[in-house]
C-alpha atoms as a PDB file:
ATOM      1  CA  MET A   1       4.825   4.889  -4.367  1.00  0.00           C
ATOM      2  CA  GLN A   2       2.057   5.003  -7.186  1.00  0.00           C
ATOM      3  CA  HIS A   3       0.381   7.860  -5.176  1.00  0.00           C
ATOM      4  CA  ASN A   4       3.635   9.917  -4.964  1.00  0.00           C
ATOM      5  CA  ASN A   5       4.227   9.417  -8.867  1.00  0.00           C
ATOM      6  CA  HIS A   6       0.618  10.917  -9.005  1.00  0.00           C
ATOM      7  CA  ILE A   7       1.476  13.919  -6.785  1.00  0.00           C
ATOM      8  CA  LEU A   8       4.703  14.437  -8.618  1.00  0.00           C
ATOM      9  CA  THR A   9       3.272  14.616 -12.012  1.00  0.00           C
ATOM     10  CA  ASN A  10       0.375  16.866 -11.150  1.00  0.00           C
ATOM     11  CA  ALA A  11       2.644  19.219  -8.830  1.00  0.00           C
ATOM     12  CA  LEU A  12       5.150  19.580 -12.033  1.00  0.00           C
ATOM     13  CA  ALA A  13       1.989  20.457 -14.107  1.00  0.00           C
ATOM     14  CA  ALA A  14       0.921  22.935 -11.728  1.00  0.00           C
ATOM     15  CA  PHE A  15       4.125  24.608 -11.518  1.00  0.00           C
ATOM     16  CA  GLU A  16       4.429  25.035 -15.229  1.00  0.00           C
ATOM     17  CA  GLU A  17       0.928  26.514 -15.550  1.00  0.00           C
ATOM     18  CA  THR A  18       1.299  28.672 -12.763  1.00  0.00           C
ATOM     19  CA  THR A  19       4.792  30.066 -13.476  1.00  0.00           C
ATOM     20  CA  GLY A  20       5.142  29.600 -17.227  1.00  0.00           C
ATOM     21  CA  LEU A  21       8.562  27.817 -16.402  1.00  0.00           C
ATOM     22  CA  PRO A  22       9.577  24.372 -17.191  1.00  0.00           C
ATOM     23  CA  ALA A  23       9.419  21.652 -14.649  1.00  0.00           C
ATOM     24  CA  VAL A  24      11.084  18.349 -15.442  1.00  0.00           C
ATOM     25  CA  GLN A  25      12.349  15.122 -13.648  1.00  0.00           C
ATOM     26  CA  ILE A  26      15.789  14.501 -14.368  1.00  0.00           C
ATOM     27  CA  PRO A  27      18.245  11.432 -13.604  1.00  0.00           C
ATOM     28  CA  MET A  28      19.844  10.966 -10.272  1.00  0.00           C
ATOM     29  CA  PRO A  29      23.443  11.001  -9.951  1.00  0.00           C
ATOM     30  CA  ALA A  30      25.061   7.438 -10.144  1.00  0.00           C
ATOM     31  CA  GLU A  31      24.687   5.202  -7.161  1.00  0.00           C
ATOM     32  CA  SER A  32      21.864   7.511  -5.584  1.00  0.00           C
ATOM     33  CA  VAL A  33      18.196   6.825  -5.183  1.00  0.00           C
ATOM     34  CA  GLY A  34      15.199   9.289  -4.972  1.00  0.00           C
ATOM     35  CA  VAL A  35      13.898  11.646  -7.401  1.00  0.00           C
ATOM     36  CA  GLN A  36      15.592  14.673  -8.613  1.00  0.00           C
ATOM     37  CA  LEU A  37      13.965  17.906 -10.332  1.00  0.00           C
ATOM     38  CA  ARG A  38      14.508  20.910 -12.587  1.00  0.00           C
ATOM     39  CA  LEU A  39      12.543  23.884 -11.971  1.00  0.00           C
ATOM     40  CA  GLY A  40      13.027  26.806 -14.171  1.00  0.00           C
ATOM     41  CA  ASP A  41      16.727  27.795 -14.144  1.00  0.00           C
ATOM     42  CA  ALA A  42      17.205  26.528 -10.377  1.00  0.00           C
ATOM     43  CA  PRO A  43      19.863  23.922  -9.814  1.00  0.00           C
ATOM     44  CA  ALA A  44      18.827  20.232  -9.730  1.00  0.00           C
ATOM     45  CA  LEU A  45      16.766  19.901  -6.864  1.00  0.00           C
ATOM     46  CA  CYS A  46      16.258  16.390  -4.808  1.00  0.00           C
ATOM     47  CA  ALA A  47      12.675  16.166  -4.217  1.00  0.00           C
ATOM     48  CA  GLU A  48      10.758  15.087  -0.892  1.00  0.00           C
ATOM     49  CA  ILE A  49       7.381  13.867  -1.860  1.00  0.00           C
ATOM     50  CA  LYS A  50       4.446  14.188   0.924  1.00  0.00           C
ATOM     51  CA  LYS A  51       0.836  13.584   0.684  1.00  0.00           C
ATOM     52  CA  THR A  52      -0.022  15.839   3.434  1.00  0.00           C
ATOM     53  CA  LEU A  53       1.756  18.431   5.261  1.00  0.00           C
ATOM     54  CA  ARG A  54       0.698  19.689   8.835  1.00  0.00           C
ATOM     55  CA  PRO A  55       2.241  21.779  11.396  1.00  0.00           C
ATOM     56  CA  ALA A  56       2.981  18.409  13.904  1.00  0.00           C
ATOM     57  CA  THR A  57       4.721  16.900  10.996  1.00  0.00           C
ATOM     58  CA  LEU A  58       6.608  19.700   9.719  1.00  0.00           C
ATOM     59  CA  GLY A  59       9.738  18.927  11.890  1.00  0.00           C
ATOM     60  CA  ILE A  60      10.197  15.397  10.180  1.00  0.00           C
ATOM     61  CA  VAL A  61       9.749  17.011   6.705  1.00  0.00           C
ATOM     62  CA  VAL A  62      12.455  19.462   7.344  1.00  0.00           C
ATOM     63  CA  ALA A  63      14.808  16.834   8.911  1.00  0.00           C
ATOM     64  CA  ASN A  64      14.201  14.561   5.651  1.00  0.00           C
ATOM     65  CA  LEU A  65      15.205  17.710   3.368  1.00  0.00           C
ATOM     66  CA  HIS A  66      18.178  18.353   5.204  1.00  0.00           C
ATOM     67  CA  ARG A  67      19.341  14.601   5.215  1.00  0.00           C
ATOM     68  CA  PHE A  68      19.730  14.985   1.317  1.00  0.00           C
ATOM     69  CA  ASN A  69      22.867  17.170   2.226  1.00  0.00           C
ATOM     70  CA  ARG A  70      22.146  18.900  -1.244  1.00  0.00           C
ATOM     71  CA  PRO A  71      19.657  21.455  -2.586  1.00  0.00           C
ATOM     72  CA  ALA A  72      16.110  19.975  -2.032  1.00  0.00           C
ATOM     73  CA  VAL A  73      12.552  20.874  -2.715  1.00  0.00           C
ATOM     74  CA  LEU A  74       9.190  19.674  -1.034  1.00  0.00           C
ATOM     75  CA  VAL A  75       6.640  18.233  -3.233  1.00  0.00           C
ATOM     76  CA  ALA A  76       3.349  18.003  -1.536  1.00  0.00           C
ATOM     77  CA  GLY A  77      -0.425  17.365  -2.379  1.00  0.00           C
ATOM     78  CA  TYR A  78      -1.471  20.775  -0.823  1.00  0.00           C
ATOM     79  CA  VAL A  79       0.181  23.374   1.297  1.00  0.00           C
ATOM     80  CA  THR A  80      -1.964  25.845   3.114  1.00  0.00           C
ATOM     81  CA  PRO A  81      -1.260  29.531   3.110  1.00  0.00           C
ATOM     82  CA  GLN A  82      -0.164  29.205   6.756  1.00  0.00           C
ATOM     83  CA  MET A  83       2.007  26.401   5.930  1.00  0.00           C
ATOM     84  CA  ALA A  84       3.385  28.255   2.834  1.00  0.00           C
ATOM     85  CA  GLU A  85       4.593  31.174   4.923  1.00  0.00           C
ATOM     86  CA  LYS A  86       6.288  28.921   7.404  1.00  0.00           C
ATOM     87  CA  LEU A  87       8.275  27.094   4.835  1.00  0.00           C
ATOM     88  CA  LYS A  88       9.050  30.664   3.200  1.00  0.00           C
ATOM     89  CA  GLU A  89      10.442  31.891   6.663  1.00  0.00           C
ATOM     90  CA  LEU A  90      12.542  28.601   6.770  1.00  0.00           C
ATOM     91  CA  ASP A  91      13.593  29.068   3.303  1.00  0.00           C
ATOM     92  CA  ILE A  92      12.580  25.751   2.002  1.00  0.00           C
ATOM     93  CA  PRO A  93      11.375  25.526  -1.702  1.00  0.00           C
ATOM     94  CA  PHE A  94       8.178  23.685  -2.343  1.00  0.00           C
ATOM     95  CA  LEU A  95       5.644  23.321  -4.930  1.00  0.00           C
ATOM     96  CA  ASP A  96       1.983  21.589  -4.720  1.00  0.00           C
ATOM     97  CA  VAL A  97      -0.846  20.104  -6.831  1.00  0.00           C
ATOM     98  CA  ALA A  98      -2.919  23.259  -6.517  1.00  0.00           C
ATOM     99  CA  GLY A  99      -0.017  25.371  -8.107  1.00  0.00           C
ATOM    100  CA  ASN A 100       1.167  26.994  -4.747  1.00  0.00           C
ATOM    101  CA  VAL A 101       5.095  27.591  -4.989  1.00  0.00           C
ATOM    102  CA  TYR A 102       7.756  29.015  -3.232  1.00  0.00           C
ATOM    103  CA  LEU A 103      11.436  29.048  -5.365  1.00  0.00           C
ATOM    104  CA  LYS A 104      14.413  31.474  -4.853  1.00  0.00           C
ATOM    105  CA  THR A 105      17.420  31.488  -7.015  1.00  0.00           C
ATOM    106  CA  PRO A 106      19.869  33.990  -8.013  1.00  0.00           C
ATOM    107  CA  ASN A 107      17.788  35.017 -10.876  1.00  0.00           C
ATOM    108  CA  THR A 108      14.267  34.204  -9.955  1.00  0.00           C
ATOM    109  CA  PHE A 109      12.011  34.623  -6.822  1.00  0.00           C
ATOM    110  CA  ILE A 110       8.524  33.017  -6.961  1.00  0.00           C
ATOM    111  CA  TYR A 111       5.850  32.851  -4.113  1.00  0.00           C
ATOM    112  CA  VAL A 112       2.416  31.674  -4.839  1.00  0.00           C
ATOM    113  CA  SER A 113      -0.023  30.703  -2.111  1.00  0.00           C
ATOM    114  CA  GLY A 114      -3.527  30.666  -1.493  1.00  0.00           C
ATOM    115  CA  LYS A 115      -4.453  28.563  -4.633  1.00  0.00           C
ATOM    116  CA  LYS A 116      -6.974  25.732  -3.482  1.00  0.00           C
ATOM    117  CA  PRO A 117      -6.522  22.088  -4.206  1.00  0.00           C
ATOM    118  CA  LYS A 118      -8.417  20.513  -6.967  1.00  0.00           C
ATOM    119  CA  GLU A 119      -8.330  17.178  -5.598  1.00  0.00           C
ATOM    120  CA  PRO A 120     -10.447  15.732  -2.536  1.00  0.00           C
ATOM    121  CA  GLY A 121      -8.480  16.130   0.949  1.00  0.00           C
ATOM    122  CA  PRO A 122      -6.098  13.795   2.449  1.00  0.00           C
ATOM    123  CA  GLN A 123      -7.302  10.618   3.916  1.00  0.00           C
ATOM    124  CA  CYS A 124      -6.607   9.421   7.371  1.00  0.00           C
ATOM    125  CA  HIS A 125      -3.625   7.310   8.361  1.00  0.00           C
ATOM    126  CA  ASN A 126      -4.222   3.480   7.781  1.00  0.00           C
ATOM    127  CA  ARG A 127      -4.497   1.100  10.498  1.00  0.00           C
ATOM    128  CA  ALA A 128      -0.855   0.427  11.054  1.00  0.00           C
ATOM    129  CA  PHE A 129      -0.064   4.150  11.519  1.00  0.00           C
ATOM    130  CA  ARG A 130      -2.925   4.911  14.078  1.00  0.00           C
ATOM    131  CA  ALA A 131      -2.490   4.789  17.716  1.00  0.00           C
ATOM    132  CA  ALA A 132      -2.578   1.208  18.554  1.00  0.00           C
ATOM    133  CA  GLY A 133      -0.753   0.454  15.474  1.00  0.00           C
ATOM    134  CA  LEU A 134       2.220   2.710  16.410  1.00  0.00           C
ATOM    135  CA  LYS A 135       2.298   1.092  19.630  1.00  0.00           C
ATOM    136  CA  VAL A 136       3.226  -2.198  17.924  1.00  0.00           C
ATOM    137  CA  ILE A 137       5.669  -0.704  15.431  1.00  0.00           C
ATOM    138  CA  PHE A 138       7.340   0.939  18.395  1.00  0.00           C
ATOM    139  CA  THR A 139       7.610  -2.299  20.217  1.00  0.00           C
ATOM    140  CA  LEU A 140       9.014  -4.092  17.266  1.00  0.00           C
ATOM    141  CA  LEU A 141      11.390  -1.364  16.313  1.00  0.00           C
ATOM    142  CA  THR A 142      12.585  -0.601  19.846  1.00  0.00           C
ATOM    143  CA  LEU A 143      12.574  -4.034  22.028  1.00  0.00           C
ATOM    144  CA  GLN A 144      15.143  -6.626  21.086  1.00  0.00           C
ATOM    145  CA  GLY A 145      13.690  -9.968  20.507  1.00  0.00           C
ATOM    146  CA  GLN A 146      10.222  -8.932  19.585  1.00  0.00           C
ATOM    147  CA  LEU A 147      10.370 -10.094  15.739  1.00  0.00           C
ATOM    148  CA  LYS A 148      10.633 -13.624  17.146  1.00  0.00           C
ATOM    149  CA  ALA A 149       8.187 -13.219  20.005  1.00  0.00           C
ATOM    150  CA  SER A 150       4.707 -14.548  20.236  1.00  0.00           C
ATOM    151  CA  THR A 151       1.914 -12.508  19.377  1.00  0.00           C
ATOM    152  CA  ARG A 152       0.845 -12.592  23.025  1.00  0.00           C
ATOM    153  CA  GLU A 153       4.066 -11.325  24.105  1.00  0.00           C
ATOM    154  CA  ILE A 154       4.110  -8.284  21.659  1.00  0.00           C
ATOM    155  CA  ALA A 155       0.866  -7.197  22.536  1.00  0.00           C
ATOM    156  CA  SER A 156       1.630  -7.295  26.174  1.00  0.00           C
ATOM    157  CA  ASN A 157       4.725  -5.093  25.760  1.00  0.00           C
ATOM    158  CA  ALA A 158       2.642  -2.748  23.392  1.00  0.00           C
ATOM    159  CA  GLY A 159      -0.295  -2.570  25.580  1.00  0.00           C
ATOM    160  CA  VAL A 160      -2.873  -3.695  22.744  1.00  0.00           C
ATOM    161  CA  ALA A 161      -5.116  -6.741  22.204  1.00  0.00           C
ATOM    162  CA  ASN A 162      -3.577  -9.802  20.654  1.00  0.00           C
ATOM    163  CA  GLY A 163      -5.683  -9.280  17.558  1.00  0.00           C
ATOM    164  CA  THR A 164      -4.501  -5.834  16.964  1.00  0.00           C
ATOM    165  CA  VAL A 165      -0.843  -7.209  16.584  1.00  0.00           C
ATOM    166  CA  SER A 166      -2.102  -9.720  14.154  1.00  0.00           C
ATOM    167  CA  ASN A 167      -3.754  -7.064  11.914  1.00  0.00           C
ATOM    168  CA  ILE A 168      -0.953  -4.495  12.291  1.00  0.00           C
ATOM    169  CA  ILE A 169       1.648  -7.128  11.133  1.00  0.00           C
ATOM    170  CA  LYS A 170      -0.734  -7.933   8.163  1.00  0.00           C
ATOM    171  CA  ASP A 171      -0.662  -4.358   7.391  1.00  0.00           C
ATOM    172  CA  LEU A 172       2.922  -3.951   7.666  1.00  0.00           C
ATOM    173  CA  GLU A 173       3.503  -6.946   5.292  1.00  0.00           C
ATOM    174  CA  GLN A 174       0.951  -5.226   2.635  1.00  0.00           C
ATOM    175  CA  GLN A 175       2.948  -2.137   2.621  1.00  0.00           C
ATOM    176  CA  GLY A 176       6.302  -3.462   2.163  1.00  0.00           C
ATOM    177  CA  PHE A 177       7.583  -3.149   5.675  1.00  0.00           C
ATOM    178  CA  ALA A 178       7.587  -6.454   6.789  1.00  0.00           C
ATOM    179  CA  TYR A 179       7.888 -10.078   5.548  1.00  0.00           C
ATOM    180  CA  ARG A 180       7.908 -13.614   6.964  1.00  0.00           C
ATOM    181  CA  SER A 181      10.968 -15.807   6.447  1.00  0.00           C
ATOM    182  CA  LYS A 182      11.078 -19.674   6.906  1.00  0.00           C
ATOM    183  CA  THR A 183      14.226 -19.448   8.864  1.00  0.00           C
ATOM    184  CA  LYS A 184      14.197 -15.746  10.377  1.00  0.00           C
ATOM    185  CA  GLY A 185      10.637 -15.712  11.145  1.00  0.00           C
ATOM    186  CA  LEU A 186       9.310 -11.983  10.983  1.00  0.00           C
ATOM    187  CA  VAL A 187      11.543  -9.560   9.345  1.00  0.00           C
ATOM    188  CA  LEU A 188      11.428  -5.774   9.055  1.00  0.00           C
ATOM    189  CA  GLN A 189      12.494  -4.209   5.913  1.00  0.00           C
ATOM    190  CA  ASN A 190      12.679  -0.565   4.592  1.00  0.00           C
ATOM    191  CA  ARG A 191      13.314   0.302   8.188  1.00  0.00           C
ATOM    192  CA  ASP A 192      14.251   4.147   7.460  1.00  0.00           C
ATOM    193  CA  LYS A 193      11.146   4.571   5.797  1.00  0.00           C
ATOM    194  CA  LEU A 194       9.151   2.947   8.496  1.00  0.00           C
ATOM    195  CA  ILE A 195      10.912   5.173  10.976  1.00  0.00           C
ATOM    196  CA  ASP A 196       9.866   8.280   9.006  1.00  0.00           C
ATOM    197  CA  LYS A 197       6.262   7.341   9.027  1.00  0.00           C
ATOM    198  CA  TRP A 198       6.208   6.202  12.632  1.00  0.00           C
ATOM    199  CA  VAL A 199       7.978   9.791  13.619  1.00  0.00           C
ATOM    200  CA  GLU A 200       5.535  11.545  11.247  1.00  0.00           C
ATOM    201  CA  ALA A 201       2.376   9.824  12.689  1.00  0.00           C
ATOM    202  CA  TYR A 202       3.382   9.874  16.374  1.00  0.00           C
ATOM    203  CA  PRO A 203       2.494  13.561  16.898  1.00  0.00           C
ATOM    204  CA  LEU A 204      -0.794  13.068  14.933  1.00  0.00           C
ATOM    205  CA  GLU A 205      -2.304   9.835  16.151  1.00  0.00           C
ATOM    206  CA  LEU A 206      -0.630   8.617  19.406  1.00  0.00           C
ATOM    207  CA  ARG A 207       0.834  11.619  21.290  1.00  0.00           C
ATOM    208  CA  PRO A 208      -2.714  13.299  21.552  1.00  0.00           C
ATOM    209  CA  GLN A 209      -4.092  10.346  23.086  1.00  0.00           C
ATOM    210  CA  LEU A 210      -1.904  10.545  26.047  1.00  0.00           C
ATOM    211  CA  THR A 211      -2.486  12.210  29.211  1.00  0.00           C
ATOM    212  CA  VAL A 212      -0.291  15.147  29.303  1.00  0.00           C
ATOM    213  CA  GLN A 213       0.326  17.685  32.318  1.00  0.00           C
ATOM    214  CA  ARG A 214       2.069  20.770  31.505  1.00  0.00           C
ATOM    215  CA  PHE A 215       3.634  23.286  34.152  1.00  0.00           C
ATOM    216  CA  HIS A 216       6.026  26.126  34.536  1.00  0.00           C
ATOM    217  CA  ILE A 217       8.940  25.371  37.137  1.00  0.00           C
ATOM    218  CA  GLN A 218      11.541  27.364  38.687  1.00  0.00           C
ATOM    219  CA  HIS A 219      14.008  24.572  39.059  1.00  0.00           C
ATOM    220  CA  THR A 220      14.814  23.110  35.483  1.00  0.00           C
ATOM    221  CA  ASP A 221      17.829  21.327  36.348  1.00  0.00           C
ATOM    222  CA  TRP A 222      16.128  19.272  38.735  1.00  0.00           C
ATOM    223  CA  TRP A 223      16.576  16.080  36.556  1.00  0.00           C
ATOM    224  CA  ARG A 224      20.366  16.261  36.529  1.00  0.00           C
ATOM    225  CA  GLU A 225      20.176  15.495  40.226  1.00  0.00           C
ATOM    226  CA  PHE A 226      18.213  12.266  39.901  1.00  0.00           C
ATOM    227  CA  THR A 227      20.027   8.994  39.871  1.00  0.00           C
ATOM    228  CA  TYR A 228      18.809   5.900  37.959  1.00  0.00           C
ATOM    229  CA  ASP A 229      17.340   4.322  40.989  1.00  0.00           C
ATOM    230  CA  ARG A 230      15.106   7.437  41.676  1.00  0.00           C
ATOM    231  CA  TRP A 231      13.886   7.299  38.235  1.00  0.00           C
ATOM    232  CA  GLN A 232      12.651   3.976  38.788  1.00  0.00           C
ATOM    233  CA  GLU A 233      11.229   4.853  42.235  1.00  0.00           C
ATOM    234  CA  TYR A 234       9.279   7.645  40.603  1.00  0.00           C
ATOM    235  CA  GLN A 235       8.272   5.558  37.642  1.00  0.00           C
ATOM    236  CA  MET A 236       9.657   7.708  35.058  1.00  0.00           C
ATOM    237  CA  TRP A 237      11.597   8.206  32.029  1.00  0.00           C
ATOM    238  CA  LEU A 238      13.356  11.130  30.790  1.00  0.00           C
ATOM    239  CA  GLY A 239      12.772  12.302  27.011  1.00  0.00           C
ATOM    240  CA  GLY A 240      12.900  15.197  24.741  1.00  0.00           C
ATOM    241  CA  GLU A 241      15.535  17.704  24.935  1.00  0.00           C
ATOM    242  CA  PRO A 242      17.204  16.653  28.299  1.00  0.00           C
ATOM    243  CA  ALA A 243      17.569  13.029  27.007  1.00  0.00           C
ATOM    244  CA  ALA A 244      18.750  14.480  23.699  1.00  0.00           C
ATOM    245  CA  ALA A 245      21.561  16.538  25.492  1.00  0.00           C
ATOM    246  CA  LEU A 246      22.554  13.509  27.253  1.00  0.00           C
ATOM    247  CA  LEU A 247      23.024  11.310  24.202  1.00  0.00           C
ATOM    248  CA  SER A 248      24.698  13.986  22.138  1.00  0.00           C
ATOM    249  CA  LYS A 249      26.357  15.992  24.429  1.00  0.00           C
ATOM    250  CA  TYR A 250      25.030  19.134  22.754  1.00  0.00           C
ATOM    251  CA  LEU A 251      21.972  21.173  23.260  1.00  0.00           C
ATOM    252  CA  TYR A 252      20.857  23.385  26.463  1.00  0.00           C
ATOM    253  CA  PRO A 253      17.158  21.852  27.351  1.00  0.00           C
ATOM    254  CA  GLU A 254      14.559  24.419  27.523  1.00  0.00           C
ATOM    255  CA  ILE A 255      11.526  22.229  27.818  1.00  0.00           C
ATOM    256  CA  ILE A 256      11.889  19.189  30.190  1.00  0.00           C
ATOM    257  CA  THR A 257       9.826  16.183  28.756  1.00  0.00           C
ATOM    258  CA  VAL A 258       9.332  13.161  31.224  1.00  0.00           C
ATOM    259  CA  TYR A 259       7.050  10.123  30.395  1.00  0.00           C
ATOM    260  CA  GLY A 260       5.890   8.272  33.759  1.00  0.00           C
ATOM    261  CA  ARG A 261       3.217   7.856  36.336  1.00  0.00           C
ATOM    262  CA  PRO A 262       4.713   9.327  39.394  1.00  0.00           C
ATOM    263  CA  ASP A 263       3.410  10.276  42.604  1.00  0.00           C
ATOM    264  CA  PHE A 264       2.956  14.077  41.848  1.00  0.00           C
ATOM    265  CA  ARG A 265       3.156  15.313  45.279  1.00  0.00           C
ATOM    266  CA  LYS A 266       6.592  13.937  45.741  1.00  0.00           C
ATOM    267  CA  LEU A 267       7.699  15.172  42.409  1.00  0.00           C
ATOM    268  CA  ALA A 268       6.254  18.569  43.137  1.00  0.00           C
ATOM    269  CA  GLN A 269       8.847  18.803  45.939  1.00  0.00           C
ATOM    270  CA  VAL A 270      11.448  17.912  43.486  1.00  0.00           C
ATOM    271  CA  VAL A 271      10.774  20.446  40.699  1.00  0.00           C
ATOM    272  CA  LYS A 272       9.512  23.051  43.141  1.00  0.00           C
ATOM    273  CA  GLN A 273       6.436  25.104  42.853  1.00  0.00           C
ATOM    274  CA  PRO A 274       4.970  23.752  39.633  1.00  0.00           C
ATOM    275  CA  VAL A 275       2.104  26.082  38.243  1.00  0.00           C
ATOM    276  CA  ARG A 276      -0.067  24.551  35.421  1.00  0.00           C
ATOM    277  CA  ASP A 277       0.616  26.307  32.468  1.00  0.00           C
ATOM    278  CA  GLU A 278      -0.136  24.720  29.013  1.00  0.00           C
ATOM    279  CA  HIS A 279       3.090  26.821  27.571  1.00  0.00           C
ATOM    280  CA  GLY A 280       5.054  25.699  30.387  1.00  0.00           C
ATOM    281  CA  ASN A 281       8.815  24.360  30.325  1.00  0.00           C
ATOM    282  CA  PHE A 282       7.886  21.026  32.192  1.00  0.00           C
ATOM    283  CA  GLU A 283       5.643  18.371  30.333  1.00  0.00           C
ATOM    284  CA  LEU A 284       4.611  14.882  31.907  1.00  0.00           C
ATOM    285  CA  LEU A 285       3.060  12.394  29.616  1.00  0.00           C
ATOM    286  CA  GLU A 286       1.650   9.014  30.264  1.00  0.00           C
ATOM    287  CA  PRO A 287       4.091   6.300  29.024  1.00  0.00           C
ATOM    288  CA  PHE A 288       2.403   3.977  26.137  1.00  0.00           C
ATOM    289  CA  TRP A 289       4.977   1.300  26.480  1.00  0.00           C
ATOM    290  CA  ASP A 290       5.286  -1.471  29.090  1.00  0.00           C
ATOM    291  CA  PHE A 291       8.896  -2.786  28.825  1.00  0.00           C
ATOM    292  CA  GLU A 292      12.526  -1.710  29.731  1.00  0.00           C
ATOM    293  CA  THR A 293      15.257  -1.019  27.083  1.00  0.00           C
ATOM    294  CA  PRO A 294      18.993  -1.175  27.044  1.00  0.00           C
ATOM    295  CA  LEU A 295      20.706   1.307  29.392  1.00  0.00           C
ATOM    296  CA  LEU A 296      21.577   4.350  27.466  1.00  0.00           C
ATOM    297  CA  ASP A 297      22.995   6.642  30.230  1.00  0.00           C
ATOM    298  CA  GLU A 298      24.724   5.347  33.598  1.00  0.00           C
ATOM    299  CA  VAL A 299      22.812   7.940  35.601  1.00  0.00           C
ATOM    300  CA  HIS A 300      19.566   8.668  34.003  1.00  0.00           C
ATOM    301  CA  ARG A 301      16.607   6.403  32.785  1.00  0.00           C
ATOM    302  CA  LEU A 302      15.984   7.613  29.269  1.00  0.00           C
ATOM    303  CA  CYS A 303      13.145   6.980  26.913  1.00  0.00           C
ATOM    304  CA  PRO A 304      13.894   4.781  23.883  1.00  0.00           C
ATOM    305  CA  PRO A 305      15.793   6.496  21.327  1.00  0.00           C
ATOM    306  CA  LEU A 306      13.185   6.568  18.743  1.00  0.00           C
ATOM    307  CA  LEU A 307      10.619   8.603  20.933  1.00  0.00           C
ATOM    308  CA  ILE A 308      13.356  10.927  21.873  1.00  0.00           C
ATOM    309  CA  TYR A 309      14.058  11.487  18.233  1.00  0.00           C
ATOM    310  CA  ALA A 310      10.448  11.934  17.336  1.00  0.00           C
ATOM    311  CA  ASP A 311       9.909  14.427  20.162  1.00  0.00           C
ATOM    312  CA  LEU A 312      12.852  16.334  19.095  1.00  0.00           C
ATOM    313  CA  VAL A 313      11.724  16.432  15.447  1.00  0.00           C
ATOM    314  CA  ALA A 314       8.429  17.345  16.090  1.00  0.00           C
ATOM    315  CA  THR A 315       9.192  20.650  17.382  1.00  0.00           C
ATOM    316  CA  GLY A 316      10.294  21.947  14.185  1.00  0.00           C
ATOM    317  CA  ASP A 317      13.185  24.054  15.770  1.00  0.00           C
ATOM    318  CA  ALA A 318      16.181  24.655  13.767  1.00  0.00           C
ATOM    319  CA  ARG A 319      18.573  24.193  16.846  1.00  0.00           C
ATOM    320  CA  HIS A 320      17.598  20.360  17.188  1.00  0.00           C
ATOM    321  CA  ARG A 321      18.090  19.450  13.713  1.00  0.00           C
ATOM    322  CA  ASP A 322      21.711  18.482  14.027  1.00  0.00           C
ATOM    323  CA  VAL A 323      21.182  16.809  17.630  1.00  0.00           C
ATOM    324  CA  ALA A 324      18.153  14.755  15.928  1.00  0.00           C
ATOM    325  CA  ASN A 325      20.455  13.509  13.138  1.00  0.00           C
ATOM    326  CA  LEU A 326      23.115  12.718  15.686  1.00  0.00           C
ATOM    327  CA  ILE A 327      20.728  10.543  17.628  1.00  0.00           C
ATOM    328  CA  ARG A 328      19.269   8.839  14.483  1.00  0.00           C
ATOM    329  CA  ASP A 329      22.748   7.897  13.218  1.00  0.00           C
ATOM    330  CA  LYS A 330      23.866   6.673  16.410  1.00  0.00           C
ATOM    331  CA  TYR A 331      20.838   4.771  17.716  1.00  0.00           C
ATOM    332  CA  LEU A 332      18.355   4.212  14.908  1.00  0.00           C
ATOM    333  CA  HIS A 333      20.487   2.771  12.188  1.00  0.00           C
ATOM    334  CA  GLY A 334      20.539  -1.089  11.555  1.00  0.00           C
ATOM    335  CA  GLY A 335      18.804  -3.750  13.611  1.00  0.00           C
END
C-alpha cells in the first residue's frame, strides 16, 4: 500500500510537470473504496495502481479497470512505448512516474510516450508469487478443506516440499492475505486481491515453466465429443476458451486449451492430423496440481475456475472480458 502511494504521488507530479494541468486525488463517493483522481478537465476517474505493467499481465489490468463500472485510469510505475501504444489502441487512460500519459476528453487529447523512468526498474515477485508459491496459493484457493489440512497434505496436493508450504504461508501472513485463528486455524483474507495477484503472476512465473506443446488441428470441436470418463482416461482437463464457453454459455472457442499428460498417439487420432505450430489453435500444457475438484460440468472434466479465469484474462482479448467477469462472479467469490 505504501509503495502504491509512492507511485501515485510521483505519477501525479509527473503528469502536472508534463502537461501543465492540475492532477489531484479527490474523495471517493460514499460507501466506495479505492482511489479517485481529477486530471485536468477530465471527469472523476477511479485509479488502478500497478507497480509493473507487462504484456502478460495486461489482461488482468484491463479486467480490473472495467470492474469499476465507471471511468477509470491506470497509474503505473512505468509504461513502455509499446505498452503505451497498446493502451491507446484500447482507449485506456494512463499516466506513469516517468511522465508518460494518455488522456482523451471532449476538450483535451494528450498522448506522451517514450519518456524514460527516473527510478530503478521493478523488483521481482516475492516468494509467495513465484512458481512454487503460486502452486500453494492455487491449492489453498481451489481445494476445499486445505486451510485446515496439514502442511504435508498441502505440499502433496501442490507438488512442492513441506518447507515451501510453511514459508509461503508465512509470506501470505506478512502481506495481509492470511492469519491464524485459535478456533478456525488458517484463514485467508483480502481474497479478491489475492486472486488478482495470482492471476497477474501466473502467466509470468508459473505458466512459462510448464511443458507446452502447441499444434494446428483440423478438428477443433473434438473436445465436445469427449465424455467425463474419456477425459479421465486420457488424464486431461479442459481449460481456457472451451471451458469458459461451457461455464458461461457464451463465447465460441478459437484456441483449445487442455492441461494433461495423455498418450499423444491416442490423442492425435482424435484431434486429427496435428501439426506442430507455435501459433496453432490447440495447446496442451503440463498440469501443475495433483487433486480433483468439484464437478463443474456433467460431461467434461474442467480445470478449476481460477485457472480458467486466469488463462482467459491473460489473452487480453476484449471479447473475453465479459465472460471472464461472469466466471469470476459465479465461481471465485466467497469461500
